[in-house]
Amino acid sequence: MKLVLFFIALFNMSLYSQSYESNINDDYLNSGIVDYYINLGTNKLSWNRAETTLKLKLGDILRIHNKDLIDHQLHTNGKPCPHGARIKPGDFFDCVVTKTYNEKNDGPIYDHLYGRNARFYLQVD
């Protein structure tokens, strides 16, 4: 009986460990999914700053989580992924990176609902 309880505990620890690791930035785990969080209080402002440009590579999946209290929506001109769907609070949107993107050549990316003052700085090489 003690041996069975030991294996159950070991199995549960393994599950807990795996779920904990899934909360770590997936770029670190090299899985190809890069989590990005629109923080609470972002409102109609930029999602990040030019100094904190998010760098991605072709094939990545940019998973945009909305931790804010209002809807957000990724606006792209087809680069690095298609235009995004509305992201409700608590939901996420997956941007599958299929094209290179450089703001200078391809124009800005921003929150479709709030316009060009609500920028999202990223780069894909």
Foldseek 3Di string as FASTA:
>chain_A
DVVVVVVVVVVVVVVVVVVVVVPPQCVVVVPLEGEQEQAAPCPLAASDDQVPAAEHEAQHKYKYAYQYQAKWWKDAPQPQADTGDIAHHGGITIGHGHDWDDCVPRNFIATPVRPDRHGHGYGYD
